[in-house]
Amino acid sequence: MQALALDRIREVPARLRAHPRIAWAGGAGALVLGVALAAAVAPDSRVSRIPTARVQRGDVQITIVESGELRAEQQSTVSAAHDKQIVWLVPEGTRVKAGDLLVRYETQKYEIARSTAGSALAVARADLSKALGQLEAQKVAEEKARLEYASLPELAEKGFVNRSELDTARLAHEGVRASTRAFEAGVDAARANVERAESEVGQTNRKLDESAVRAPRDGVVVYATAGEATNPRKVSVGMTPFEGMEIMYLPDPSSMRVDTEVSEFDVAKVRVGAPVELRLDAYPDAAFRGEVSSIAALARQKISRVSGQAIGVKIFDVSIKVLD
């Protein structure tokens, strides 16, 4: 039994030498199994600490951060109708109703102007009355001259009036008619002076009425700015605006929007309807929802808020509707 067992053991290496590939494969299999067993036995090994994740398809979120200006979609502008000094302004931020007093201007200059215009109107009316009286008298004289001349041709035919007397009467009648036309022109001029004086009085009264400006609609008072872009200043009491200058705005806060600028390098990442998160400097912890409502079709040069000059960067104007 022992000799037979020895012969069988000796035969094993001979078979292995006859098939080296199988032996390598068997050895490799043993190596892999050994590594797997080592990993299972040693939980703190390097192989067990490799993180894994399941691959999924999804959208890549790109966030663009820009600053903008919050404003109302609808607002009324209150402009100066003349160059009077501002003596009172409703406080900025006040919620006003239609008809509430907004601005009060200085009126002394226009009160003096109204007095002067009233005096000029009285003089013009007196001149018109005088011209009308003179015209009436002239028409009487013209009628008299006409009657005198009308009777002479018949008397001249009968020989009671000579030719020279007839010509003298005719010339006198034509002279009176010419004077009447002159008086009529004087009446037209006097009437035009009256109309001009009345217009001046009406314009002065209108400017006096405009010394108290009232709100055309409900809204929140926001002062306009004046001066150069490098040194802007808000409208204030004591300022004398020029005619047509914007004094204040009355935005409707129930419908707001944000006007911002997006660089030409980022505008392709923005689309109409895209969601926007809005945060205000005054309330940094509060977030408001919005969406892109419009994107300008053409780029423009960016203007520096400090110097007021173009800085060479191309930007697109983007409007955002506030949903909250």
C-alpha atoms as a PDB file:
ATOM      1  CA  MET A   1       0.000   0.000   0.000  1.00  0.00           C
ATOM      2  CA  GLN A   2       2.795   2.398   0.761  1.00  0.00           C
ATOM      3  CA  ALA A   3       4.673   1.694  -2.488  1.00  0.00           C
ATOM      4  CA  LEU A   4       1.496   2.241  -4.513  1.00  0.00           C
ATOM      5  CA  ALA A   5       0.834   5.538  -2.846  1.00  0.00           C
ATOM      6  CA  LEU A   6       4.317   6.779  -3.559  1.00  0.00           C
ATOM      7  CA  ASP A   7       3.982   5.933  -7.234  1.00  0.00           C
ATOM      8  CA  ARG A   8       0.766   7.968  -7.476  1.00  0.00           C
ATOM      9  CA  ILE A   9       2.356  10.976  -5.847  1.00  0.00           C
ATOM     10  CA  ARG A  10       5.254  10.867  -8.248  1.00  0.00           C
ATOM     11  CA  GLU A  11       2.869  10.771 -11.186  1.00  0.00           C
ATOM     12  CA  VAL A  12       1.301  14.129 -10.332  1.00  0.00           C
ATOM     13  CA  PRO A  13       4.291  16.320 -11.124  1.00  0.00           C
ATOM     14  CA  ALA A  14       4.780  14.426 -14.371  1.00  0.00           C
ATOM     15  CA  ARG A  15       1.246  15.314 -15.492  1.00  0.00           C
ATOM     16  CA  LEU A  16       1.719  18.898 -14.468  1.00  0.00           C
ATOM     17  CA  ARG A  17       4.930  19.140 -16.492  1.00  0.00           C
ATOM     18  CA  ALA A  18       3.115  17.667 -19.432  1.00  0.00           C
ATOM     19  CA  HIS A  19       0.418  20.414 -19.262  1.00  0.00           C
ATOM     20  CA  PRO A  20       2.091  23.744 -18.207  1.00  0.00           C
ATOM     21  CA  ARG A  21      -0.786  25.955 -19.390  1.00  0.00           C
ATOM     22  CA  ILE A  22      -3.321  24.284 -17.210  1.00  0.00           C
ATOM     23  CA  ALA A  23      -0.973  24.554 -14.306  1.00  0.00           C
ATOM     24  CA  TRP A  24      -0.600  28.369 -14.916  1.00  0.00           C
ATOM     25  CA  ALA A  25      -4.262  28.743 -15.197  1.00  0.00           C
ATOM     26  CA  GLY A  26      -4.769  26.836 -12.067  1.00  0.00           C
ATOM     27  CA  GLY A  27      -2.185  28.929 -10.322  1.00  0.00           C
ATOM     28  CA  ALA A  28      -3.754  32.146 -11.553  1.00  0.00           C
ATOM     29  CA  GLY A  29      -7.111  30.995 -10.354  1.00  0.00           C
ATOM     30  CA  ALA A  30      -5.635  30.287  -6.986  1.00  0.00           C
ATOM     31  CA  LEU A  31      -4.112  33.791  -6.949  1.00  0.00           C
ATOM     32  CA  VAL A  32      -7.405  35.476  -7.734  1.00  0.00           C
ATOM     33  CA  LEU A  33      -9.175  33.419  -5.164  1.00  0.00           C
ATOM     34  CA  GLY A  34      -6.501  34.290  -2.677  1.00  0.00           C
ATOM     35  CA  VAL A  35      -6.940  38.001  -3.248  1.00  0.00           C
ATOM     36  CA  ALA A  36     -10.698  37.679  -2.928  1.00  0.00           C
ATOM     37  CA  LEU A  37     -10.371  35.754   0.289  1.00  0.00           C
ATOM     38  CA  ALA A  38      -7.901  38.303   1.614  1.00  0.00           C
ATOM     39  CA  ALA A  39     -10.351  41.096   0.885  1.00  0.00           C
ATOM     40  CA  ALA A  40     -13.136  39.236   2.615  1.00  0.00           C
ATOM     41  CA  VAL A  41     -11.022  38.440   5.647  1.00  0.00           C
ATOM     42  CA  ALA A  42      -9.487  41.954   5.981  1.00  0.00           C
ATOM     43  CA  PRO A  43     -12.383  44.520   5.950  1.00  0.00           C
ATOM     44  CA  ASP A  44     -10.036  47.449   6.594  1.00  0.00           C
ATOM     45  CA  SER A  45      -7.978  46.863   3.470  1.00  0.00           C
ATOM     46  CA  ARG A  46      -7.615  49.430   0.647  1.00  0.00           C
ATOM     47  CA  VAL A  47     -10.036  47.588  -1.674  1.00  0.00           C
ATOM     48  CA  SER A  48     -12.965  47.920   0.744  1.00  0.00           C
ATOM     49  CA  ARG A  49     -12.625  51.741   1.022  1.00  0.00           C
ATOM     50  CA  ILE A  50     -13.090  52.626  -2.697  1.00  0.00           C
ATOM     51  CA  PRO A  51     -16.289  54.787  -3.023  1.00  0.00           C
ATOM     52  CA  THR A  52     -18.885  53.802  -5.582  1.00  0.00           C
ATOM     53  CA  ALA A  53     -21.891  55.609  -7.203  1.00  0.00           C
ATOM     54  CA  ARG A  54     -24.596  54.747  -9.700  1.00  0.00           C
ATOM     55  CA  VAL A  55     -24.320  56.697 -12.985  1.00  0.00           C
ATOM     56  CA  GLN A  56     -27.505  58.559 -13.958  1.00  0.00           C
ATOM     57  CA  ARG A  57     -28.455  60.934 -16.759  1.00  0.00           C
ATOM     58  CA  GLY A  58     -29.484  64.534 -15.793  1.00  0.00           C
ATOM     59  CA  ASP A  59     -29.331  68.248 -16.597  1.00  0.00           C
ATOM     60  CA  VAL A  60     -26.329  70.405 -15.753  1.00  0.00           C
ATOM     61  CA  GLN A  61     -27.390  73.520 -13.843  1.00  0.00           C
ATOM     62  CA  ILE A  62     -25.546  76.721 -14.808  1.00  0.00           C
ATOM     63  CA  THR A  63     -25.989  79.737 -12.520  1.00  0.00           C
ATOM     64  CA  ILE A  64     -25.292  83.314 -13.680  1.00  0.00           C
ATOM     65  CA  VAL A  65     -25.124  86.026 -11.020  1.00  0.00           C
ATOM     66  CA  GLU A  66     -25.767  89.638 -12.094  1.00  0.00           C
ATOM     67  CA  SER A  67     -26.867  92.846 -10.401  1.00  0.00           C
ATOM     68  CA  GLY A  68     -29.905  94.773 -11.623  1.00  0.00           C
ATOM     69  CA  GLU A  69     -32.410  97.471 -10.830  1.00  0.00           C
ATOM     70  CA  LEU A  70     -35.841  96.716  -9.410  1.00  0.00           C
ATOM     71  CA  ARG A  71     -38.636  98.811 -10.869  1.00  0.00           C
ATOM     72  CA  ALA A  72     -42.360  98.752 -11.469  1.00  0.00           C
ATOM     73  CA  GLU A  73     -43.725  97.592 -14.808  1.00  0.00           C
ATOM     74  CA  GLN A  74     -46.201 100.482 -14.693  1.00  0.00           C
ATOM     75  CA  GLN A  75     -45.449 103.920 -13.307  1.00  0.00           C
ATOM     76  CA  SER A  76     -46.363 107.572 -13.800  1.00  0.00           C
ATOM     77  CA  THR A  77     -43.779 110.320 -14.222  1.00  0.00           C
ATOM     78  CA  VAL A  78     -44.305 113.751 -12.658  1.00  0.00           C
ATOM     79  CA  SER A  79     -42.407 116.422 -14.627  1.00  0.00           C
ATOM     80  CA  ALA A  80     -41.886 120.125 -14.029  1.00  0.00           C
ATOM     81  CA  ALA A  81     -44.284 122.231 -16.093  1.00  0.00           C
ATOM     82  CA  HIS A  82     -42.204 125.399 -15.569  1.00  0.00           C
ATOM     83  CA  ASP A  83     -39.048 126.710 -13.922  1.00  0.00           C
ATOM     84  CA  LYS A  84     -40.392 127.606 -10.479  1.00  0.00           C
ATOM     85  CA  GLN A  85     -38.520 126.842  -7.287  1.00  0.00           C
ATOM     86  CA  ILE A  86     -39.681 123.819  -5.270  1.00  0.00           C
ATOM     87  CA  VAL A  87     -40.796 124.857  -1.779  1.00  0.00           C
ATOM     88  CA  TRP A  88     -42.319 121.528  -0.611  1.00  0.00           C
ATOM     89  CA  LEU A  89     -42.099 117.838  -1.536  1.00  0.00           C
ATOM     90  CA  VAL A  90     -44.017 114.839  -0.234  1.00  0.00           C
ATOM     91  CA  PRO A  91     -41.533 112.517   1.564  1.00  0.00           C
ATOM     92  CA  GLU A  92     -39.995 109.834  -0.614  1.00  0.00           C
ATOM     93  CA  GLY A  93     -41.450 106.370  -0.085  1.00  0.00           C
ATOM     94  CA  THR A  94     -44.903 107.706   0.809  1.00  0.00           C
ATOM     95  CA  ARG A  95     -47.853 105.742  -0.551  1.00  0.00           C
ATOM     96  CA  VAL A  96     -50.183 108.276  -2.146  1.00  0.00           C
ATOM     97  CA  LYS A  97     -53.639 108.149  -3.667  1.00  0.00           C
ATOM     98  CA  ALA A  98     -54.772 109.860  -6.854  1.00  0.00           C
ATOM     99  CA  GLY A  99     -55.301 113.571  -6.101  1.00  0.00           C
ATOM    100  CA  ASP A 100     -52.889 113.764  -3.151  1.00  0.00           C
ATOM    101  CA  LEU A 101     -50.515 116.764  -3.063  1.00  0.00           C
ATOM    102  CA  LEU A 102     -47.021 115.912  -4.316  1.00  0.00           C
ATOM    103  CA  VAL A 103     -45.171 119.171  -5.048  1.00  0.00           C
ATOM    104  CA  ARG A 104     -45.638 122.810  -4.231  1.00  0.00           C
ATOM    105  CA  TYR A 105     -43.746 125.510  -6.144  1.00  0.00           C
ATOM    106  CA  GLU A 106     -42.866 129.104  -5.357  1.00  0.00           C
ATOM    107  CA  THR A 107     -45.575 131.441  -6.728  1.00  0.00           C
ATOM    108  CA  GLN A 108     -44.433 135.030  -6.108  1.00  0.00           C
ATOM    109  CA  LYS A 109     -42.877 135.458  -9.546  1.00  0.00           C
ATOM    110  CA  TYR A 110     -46.041 134.295 -11.271  1.00  0.00           C
ATOM    111  CA  GLU A 111     -48.302 136.346  -9.046  1.00  0.00           C
ATOM    112  CA  ILE A 112     -46.378 139.430 -10.202  1.00  0.00           C
ATOM    113  CA  ALA A 113     -46.596 138.215 -13.788  1.00  0.00           C
ATOM    114  CA  ARG A 114     -50.339 137.704 -13.452  1.00  0.00           C
ATOM    115  CA  SER A 115     -50.776 141.256 -12.137  1.00  0.00           C
ATOM    116  CA  THR A 116     -48.754 142.646 -15.055  1.00  0.00           C
ATOM    117  CA  ALA A 117     -50.701 140.570 -17.557  1.00  0.00           C
ATOM    118  CA  GLY A 118     -53.979 141.724 -16.026  1.00  0.00           C
ATOM    119  CA  SER A 119     -52.991 145.367 -16.406  1.00  0.00           C
ATOM    120  CA  ALA A 120     -51.947 144.796 -20.015  1.00  0.00           C
ATOM    121  CA  LEU A 121     -55.297 143.141 -20.691  1.00  0.00           C
ATOM    122  CA  ALA A 122     -57.201 146.092 -19.249  1.00  0.00           C
ATOM    123  CA  VAL A 123     -55.245 148.509 -21.464  1.00  0.00           C
ATOM    124  CA  ALA A 124     -55.828 146.342 -24.529  1.00  0.00           C
ATOM    125  CA  ARG A 125     -59.547 146.198 -23.887  1.00  0.00           C
ATOM    126  CA  ALA A 126     -59.670 149.988 -23.482  1.00  0.00           C
ATOM    127  CA  ASP A 127     -57.825 150.433 -26.766  1.00  0.00           C
ATOM    128  CA  LEU A 128     -60.259 148.070 -28.469  1.00  0.00           C
ATOM    129  CA  SER A 129     -63.243 149.994 -27.120  1.00  0.00           C
ATOM    130  CA  LYS A 130     -61.726 153.236 -28.350  1.00  0.00           C
ATOM    131  CA  ALA A 131     -61.014 151.764 -31.786  1.00  0.00           C
ATOM    132  CA  LEU A 132     -64.563 150.438 -32.063  1.00  0.00           C
ATOM    133  CA  GLY A 133     -65.952 153.924 -31.223  1.00  0.00           C
ATOM    134  CA  GLN A 134     -63.750 155.572 -33.803  1.00  0.00           C
ATOM    135  CA  LEU A 135     -64.764 153.022 -36.399  1.00  0.00           C
ATOM    136  CA  GLU A 136     -68.424 153.629 -35.686  1.00  0.00           C
ATOM    137  CA  ALA A 137     -67.982 157.388 -36.101  1.00  0.00           C
ATOM    138  CA  GLN A 138     -66.049 156.841 -39.299  1.00  0.00           C
ATOM    139  CA  LYS A 139     -68.809 154.671 -40.725  1.00  0.00           C
ATOM    140  CA  VAL A 140     -71.289 157.490 -40.053  1.00  0.00           C
ATOM    141  CA  ALA A 141     -69.019 159.934 -41.876  1.00  0.00           C
ATOM    142  CA  GLU A 142     -68.632 157.472 -44.743  1.00  0.00           C
ATOM    143  CA  GLU A 143     -72.370 157.077 -45.074  1.00  0.00           C
ATOM    144  CA  LYS A 144     -72.805 160.863 -45.134  1.00  0.00           C
ATOM    145  CA  ALA A 145     -70.165 161.241 -47.845  1.00  0.00           C
ATOM    146  CA  ARG A 146     -71.788 158.477 -49.858  1.00  0.00           C
ATOM    147  CA  LEU A 147     -75.204 160.106 -49.734  1.00  0.00           C
ATOM    148  CA  GLU A 148     -73.764 163.473 -50.752  1.00  0.00           C
ATOM    149  CA  TYR A 149     -71.948 161.977 -53.694  1.00  0.00           C
ATOM    150  CA  ALA A 150     -74.883 159.790 -54.757  1.00  0.00           C
ATOM    151  CA  SER A 151     -77.151 162.817 -55.361  1.00  0.00           C
ATOM    152  CA  LEU A 152     -74.657 164.819 -57.432  1.00  0.00           C
ATOM    153  CA  PRO A 153     -74.550 162.825 -60.709  1.00  0.00           C
ATOM    154  CA  GLU A 154     -78.284 163.441 -61.291  1.00  0.00           C
ATOM    155  CA  LEU A 155     -77.901 167.157 -60.491  1.00  0.00           C
ATOM    156  CA  ALA A 156     -74.872 167.310 -62.806  1.00  0.00           C
ATOM    157  CA  GLU A 157     -76.966 165.948 -65.675  1.00  0.00           C
ATOM    158  CA  LYS A 158     -79.541 168.684 -65.087  1.00  0.00           C
ATOM    159  CA  GLY A 159     -76.832 171.339 -64.985  1.00  0.00           C
ATOM    160  CA  PHE A 160     -77.173 172.296 -61.341  1.00  0.00           C
ATOM    161  CA  VAL A 161     -73.688 170.981 -60.469  1.00  0.00           C
ATOM    162  CA  ASN A 162     -70.590 171.384 -62.549  1.00  0.00           C
ATOM    163  CA  ARG A 163     -68.094 168.665 -63.308  1.00  0.00           C
ATOM    164  CA  SER A 164     -65.436 169.830 -60.832  1.00  0.00           C
ATOM    165  CA  GLU A 165     -67.905 169.752 -57.934  1.00  0.00           C
ATOM    166  CA  LEU A 166     -68.860 166.178 -58.885  1.00  0.00           C
ATOM    167  CA  ASP A 167     -65.213 165.075 -58.994  1.00  0.00           C
ATOM    168  CA  THR A 168     -64.519 166.742 -55.637  1.00  0.00           C
ATOM    169  CA  ALA A 169     -67.427 164.890 -53.991  1.00  0.00           C
ATOM    170  CA  ARG A 170     -66.331 161.611 -55.527  1.00  0.00           C
ATOM    171  CA  LEU A 171     -62.774 162.007 -54.238  1.00  0.00           C
ATOM    172  CA  ALA A 172     -64.065 162.974 -50.803  1.00  0.00           C
ATOM    173  CA  HIS A 173     -66.213 159.831 -50.684  1.00  0.00           C
ATOM    174  CA  GLU A 174     -63.282 157.611 -51.701  1.00  0.00           C
ATOM    175  CA  GLY A 175     -61.075 159.255 -49.065  1.00  0.00           C
ATOM    176  CA  VAL A 176     -63.647 158.573 -46.350  1.00  0.00           C
ATOM    177  CA  ARG A 177     -63.928 154.933 -47.454  1.00  0.00           C
ATOM    178  CA  ALA A 178     -60.119 154.572 -47.264  1.00  0.00           C
ATOM    179  CA  SER A 179     -60.160 156.022 -43.748  1.00  0.00           C
ATOM    180  CA  THR A 180     -62.841 153.518 -42.769  1.00  0.00           C
ATOM    181  CA  ARG A 181     -60.631 150.646 -43.879  1.00  0.00           C
ATOM    182  CA  ALA A 182     -57.813 152.087 -41.766  1.00  0.00           C
ATOM    183  CA  PHE A 183     -60.111 152.267 -38.732  1.00  0.00           C
ATOM    184  CA  GLU A 184     -61.197 148.661 -39.351  1.00  0.00           C
ATOM    185  CA  ALA A 185     -57.547 147.593 -39.390  1.00  0.00           C
ATOM    186  CA  GLY A 186     -57.027 149.461 -36.131  1.00  0.00           C
ATOM    187  CA  VAL A 187     -59.944 147.557 -34.581  1.00  0.00           C
ATOM    188  CA  ASP A 188     -58.465 144.222 -35.753  1.00  0.00           C
ATOM    189  CA  ALA A 189     -55.112 145.130 -34.213  1.00  0.00           C
ATOM    190  CA  ALA A 190     -56.753 146.177 -30.945  1.00  0.00           C
ATOM    191  CA  ARG A 191     -58.748 142.938 -30.868  1.00  0.00           C
ATOM    192  CA  ALA A 192     -55.552 140.906 -31.467  1.00  0.00           C
ATOM    193  CA  ASN A 193     -53.894 142.741 -28.573  1.00  0.00           C
ATOM    194  CA  VAL A 194     -56.805 141.819 -26.344  1.00  0.00           C
ATOM    195  CA  GLU A 195     -56.570 138.163 -27.351  1.00  0.00           C
ATOM    196  CA  ARG A 196     -52.819 138.179 -26.723  1.00  0.00           C
ATOM    197  CA  ALA A 197     -53.281 139.754 -23.305  1.00  0.00           C
ATOM    198  CA  GLU A 198     -56.022 137.261 -22.422  1.00  0.00           C
ATOM    199  CA  SER A 199     -53.748 134.385 -23.439  1.00  0.00           C
ATOM    200  CA  GLU A 200     -50.976 135.784 -21.250  1.00  0.00           C
ATOM    201  CA  VAL A 201     -53.329 136.037 -18.299  1.00  0.00           C
ATOM    202  CA  GLY A 202     -54.603 132.496 -18.888  1.00  0.00           C
ATOM    203  CA  GLN A 203     -51.078 131.108 -19.159  1.00  0.00           C
ATOM    204  CA  THR A 204     -50.030 132.842 -15.953  1.00  0.00           C
ATOM    205  CA  ASN A 205     -53.120 131.557 -14.136  1.00  0.00           C
ATOM    206  CA  ARG A 206     -52.381 128.057 -15.399  1.00  0.00           C
ATOM    207  CA  LYS A 207     -48.841 128.246 -14.075  1.00  0.00           C
ATOM    208  CA  LEU A 208     -50.164 129.423 -10.747  1.00  0.00           C
ATOM    209  CA  ASP A 209     -52.570 126.496 -10.685  1.00  0.00           C
ATOM    210  CA  GLU A 210     -49.656 124.171 -11.445  1.00  0.00           C
ATOM    211  CA  SER A 211     -47.812 125.418  -8.369  1.00  0.00           C
ATOM    212  CA  ALA A 212     -49.633 122.635  -6.520  1.00  0.00           C
ATOM    213  CA  VAL A 213     -48.990 119.302  -8.286  1.00  0.00           C
ATOM    214  CA  ARG A 214     -51.227 116.374  -7.354  1.00  0.00           C
ATOM    215  CA  ALA A 215     -50.849 112.650  -7.914  1.00  0.00           C
ATOM    216  CA  PRO A 216     -52.357 111.417 -11.207  1.00  0.00           C
ATOM    217  CA  ARG A 217     -52.675 107.868  -9.826  1.00  0.00           C
ATOM    218  CA  ASP A 218     -52.004 105.694  -6.782  1.00  0.00           C
ATOM    219  CA  GLY A 219     -48.391 104.736  -6.177  1.00  0.00           C
ATOM    220  CA  VAL A 220     -45.239 105.018  -4.093  1.00  0.00           C
ATOM    221  CA  VAL A 221     -43.245 108.261  -4.325  1.00  0.00           C
ATOM    222  CA  VAL A 222     -39.720 107.871  -5.755  1.00  0.00           C
ATOM    223  CA  TYR A 223     -37.622 111.009  -6.320  1.00  0.00           C
ATOM    224  CA  ALA A 224     -35.909 111.471  -9.684  1.00  0.00           C
ATOM    225  CA  THR A 225     -32.205 112.243  -9.969  1.00  0.00           C
ATOM    226  CA  ALA A 226     -30.639 115.278 -11.601  1.00  0.00           C
ATOM    227  CA  GLY A 227     -27.172 116.408 -12.564  1.00  0.00           C
ATOM    228  CA  GLU A 228     -24.366 114.611 -14.371  1.00  0.00           C
ATOM    229  CA  ALA A 229     -24.003 110.835 -14.425  1.00  0.00           C
ATOM    230  CA  THR A 230     -20.770 111.096 -12.436  1.00  0.00           C
ATOM    231  CA  ASN A 231     -22.400 113.219  -9.723  1.00  0.00           C
ATOM    232  CA  PRO A 232     -26.147 112.515  -9.623  1.00  0.00           C
ATOM    233  CA  ARG A 233     -28.312 114.019  -6.906  1.00  0.00           C
ATOM    234  CA  LYS A 234     -31.940 113.555  -6.015  1.00  0.00           C
ATOM    235  CA  VAL A 235     -34.549 116.263  -6.456  1.00  0.00           C
ATOM    236  CA  SER A 236     -34.914 118.252  -3.248  1.00  0.00           C
ATOM    237  CA  VAL A 237     -36.627 121.302  -1.749  1.00  0.00           C
ATOM    238  CA  GLY A 238     -35.024 124.554  -2.921  1.00  0.00           C
ATOM    239  CA  MET A 239     -34.148 123.213  -6.372  1.00  0.00           C
ATOM    240  CA  THR A 240     -35.370 125.123  -9.431  1.00  0.00           C
ATOM    241  CA  PRO A 241     -36.015 122.561 -12.176  1.00  0.00           C
ATOM    242  CA  PHE A 242     -36.136 123.393 -15.852  1.00  0.00           C
ATOM    243  CA  GLU A 243     -39.392 122.968 -17.742  1.00  0.00           C
ATOM    244  CA  GLY A 244     -40.000 119.314 -18.606  1.00  0.00           C
ATOM    245  CA  MET A 245     -37.506 117.963 -16.056  1.00  0.00           C
ATOM    246  CA  GLU A 246     -38.576 114.749 -14.276  1.00  0.00           C
ATOM    247  CA  ILE A 247     -39.342 115.399 -10.602  1.00  0.00           C
ATOM    248  CA  MET A 248     -40.573 112.065  -9.276  1.00  0.00           C
ATOM    249  CA  TYR A 249     -42.086 108.737 -10.231  1.00  0.00           C
ATOM    250  CA  LEU A 250     -45.168 106.921  -8.962  1.00  0.00           C
ATOM    251  CA  PRO A 251     -44.519 103.200  -9.546  1.00  0.00           C
ATOM    252  CA  ASP A 252     -47.210 100.589  -8.997  1.00  0.00           C
ATOM    253  CA  PRO A 253     -45.590  98.031  -6.644  1.00  0.00           C
ATOM    254  CA  SER A 254     -48.166  95.347  -7.443  1.00  0.00           C
ATOM    255  CA  SER A 255     -46.336  94.522 -10.693  1.00  0.00           C
ATOM    256  CA  MET A 256     -42.529  94.658 -10.547  1.00  0.00           C
ATOM    257  CA  ARG A 257     -39.648  93.773 -12.850  1.00  0.00           C
ATOM    258  CA  VAL A 258     -35.854  93.745 -12.743  1.00  0.00           C
ATOM    259  CA  ASP A 259     -33.700  95.267 -15.483  1.00  0.00           C
ATOM    260  CA  THR A 260     -30.239  93.731 -15.675  1.00  0.00           C
ATOM    261  CA  GLU A 261     -27.336  93.205 -18.067  1.00  0.00           C
ATOM    262  CA  VAL A 262     -25.819  89.910 -19.213  1.00  0.00           C
ATOM    263  CA  SER A 263     -22.410  89.630 -20.836  1.00  0.00           C
ATOM    264  CA  GLU A 264     -22.243  88.539 -24.452  1.00  0.00           C
ATOM    265  CA  PHE A 265     -20.295  85.478 -23.240  1.00  0.00           C
ATOM    266  CA  ASP A 266     -23.201  84.345 -21.031  1.00  0.00           C
ATOM    267  CA  VAL A 267     -26.252  85.451 -23.022  1.00  0.00           C
ATOM    268  CA  ALA A 268     -26.420  82.106 -24.879  1.00  0.00           C
ATOM    269  CA  LYS A 269     -27.041  80.446 -21.498  1.00  0.00           C
ATOM    270  CA  VAL A 270     -30.129  82.588 -20.840  1.00  0.00           C
ATOM    271  CA  ARG A 271     -33.541  81.953 -22.370  1.00  0.00           C
ATOM    272  CA  VAL A 272     -36.973  83.554 -22.059  1.00  0.00           C
ATOM    273  CA  GLY A 273     -38.960  81.790 -19.338  1.00  0.00           C
ATOM    274  CA  ALA A 274     -35.872  80.621 -17.433  1.00  0.00           C
ATOM    275  CA  PRO A 275     -36.305  80.715 -13.638  1.00  0.00           C
ATOM    276  CA  VAL A 276     -34.538  83.424 -11.656  1.00  0.00           C
ATOM    277  CA  GLU A 277     -33.859  83.812  -7.955  1.00  0.00           C
ATOM    278  CA  LEU A 278     -33.906  87.432  -6.810  1.00  0.00           C
ATOM    279  CA  ARG A 279     -32.332  88.848  -3.664  1.00  0.00           C
ATOM    280  CA  LEU A 280     -32.399  92.443  -2.470  1.00  0.00           C
ATOM    281  CA  ASP A 281     -29.516  94.274  -0.803  1.00  0.00           C
ATOM    282  CA  ALA A 282     -31.858  95.485   1.910  1.00  0.00           C
ATOM    283  CA  TYR A 283     -33.182  91.952   2.612  1.00  0.00           C
ATOM    284  CA  PRO A 284     -30.347  89.514   1.753  1.00  0.00           C
ATOM    285  CA  ASP A 285     -32.037  86.551   3.472  1.00  0.00           C
ATOM    286  CA  ALA A 286     -35.259  86.830   1.476  1.00  0.00           C
ATOM    287  CA  ALA A 287     -35.412  85.166  -1.949  1.00  0.00           C
ATOM    288  CA  PHE A 288     -38.048  86.030  -4.553  1.00  0.00           C
ATOM    289  CA  ARG A 289     -39.030  84.065  -7.633  1.00  0.00           C
ATOM    290  CA  GLY A 290     -38.803  85.508 -11.118  1.00  0.00           C
ATOM    291  CA  GLU A 291     -38.475  84.510 -14.738  1.00  0.00           C
ATOM    292  CA  VAL A 292     -36.774  85.983 -17.781  1.00  0.00           C
ATOM    293  CA  SER A 293     -39.365  87.935 -19.762  1.00  0.00           C
ATOM    294  CA  SER A 294     -37.255  89.450 -22.570  1.00  0.00           C
ATOM    295  CA  ILE A 295     -33.724  89.499 -23.960  1.00  0.00           C
ATOM    296  CA  ALA A 296     -32.474  92.317 -26.178  1.00  0.00           C
ATOM    297  CA  ALA A 297     -31.851  91.321 -29.773  1.00  0.00           C
ATOM    298  CA  LEU A 298     -28.747  93.522 -30.102  1.00  0.00           C
ATOM    299  CA  ALA A 299     -25.741  94.025 -27.831  1.00  0.00           C
ATOM    300  CA  ARG A 300     -24.536  97.409 -26.640  1.00  0.00           C
ATOM    301  CA  GLN A 301     -21.490  98.845 -24.953  1.00  0.00           C
ATOM    302  CA  LYS A 302     -21.530  98.614 -21.157  1.00  0.00           C
ATOM    303  CA  ILE A 303     -21.524 102.031 -19.466  1.00  0.00           C
ATOM    304  CA  SER A 304     -19.548 102.482 -16.269  1.00  0.00           C
ATOM    305  CA  ARG A 305     -21.676 103.605 -13.321  1.00  0.00           C
ATOM    306  CA  VAL A 306     -18.705 105.572 -11.992  1.00  0.00           C
ATOM    307  CA  SER A 307     -17.396 107.430 -15.032  1.00  0.00           C
ATOM    308  CA  GLY A 308     -20.462 107.264 -17.261  1.00  0.00           C
ATOM    309  CA  GLN A 309     -18.217 106.198 -20.157  1.00  0.00           C
ATOM    310  CA  ALA A 310     -18.262 103.055 -22.306  1.00  0.00           C
ATOM    311  CA  ILE A 311     -15.790 100.440 -21.003  1.00  0.00           C
ATOM    312  CA  GLY A 312     -15.587  98.203 -24.082  1.00  0.00           C
ATOM    313  CA  VAL A 313     -17.580  95.241 -22.770  1.00  0.00           C
ATOM    314  CA  LYS A 314     -20.565  94.118 -24.844  1.00  0.00           C
ATOM    315  CA  ILE A 315     -23.741  93.323 -22.893  1.00  0.00           C
ATOM    316  CA  PHE A 316     -27.367  92.415 -23.600  1.00  0.00           C
ATOM    317  CA  ASP A 317     -30.275  94.022 -21.733  1.00  0.00           C
ATOM    318  CA  VAL A 318     -32.415  91.414 -19.973  1.00  0.00           C
ATOM    319  CA  SER A 319     -35.772  92.024 -18.289  1.00  0.00           C
ATOM    320  CA  ILE A 320     -36.997  89.744 -15.486  1.00  0.00           C
ATOM    321  CA  LYS A 321     -40.580  89.548 -14.287  1.00  0.00           C
ATOM    322  CA  VAL A 322     -41.009  89.260 -10.513  1.00  0.00           C
ATOM    323  CA  LEU A 323     -43.459  86.447  -9.758  1.00  0.00           C
ATOM    324  CA  ASP A 324     -43.693  86.874  -5.964  1.00  0.00           C
END
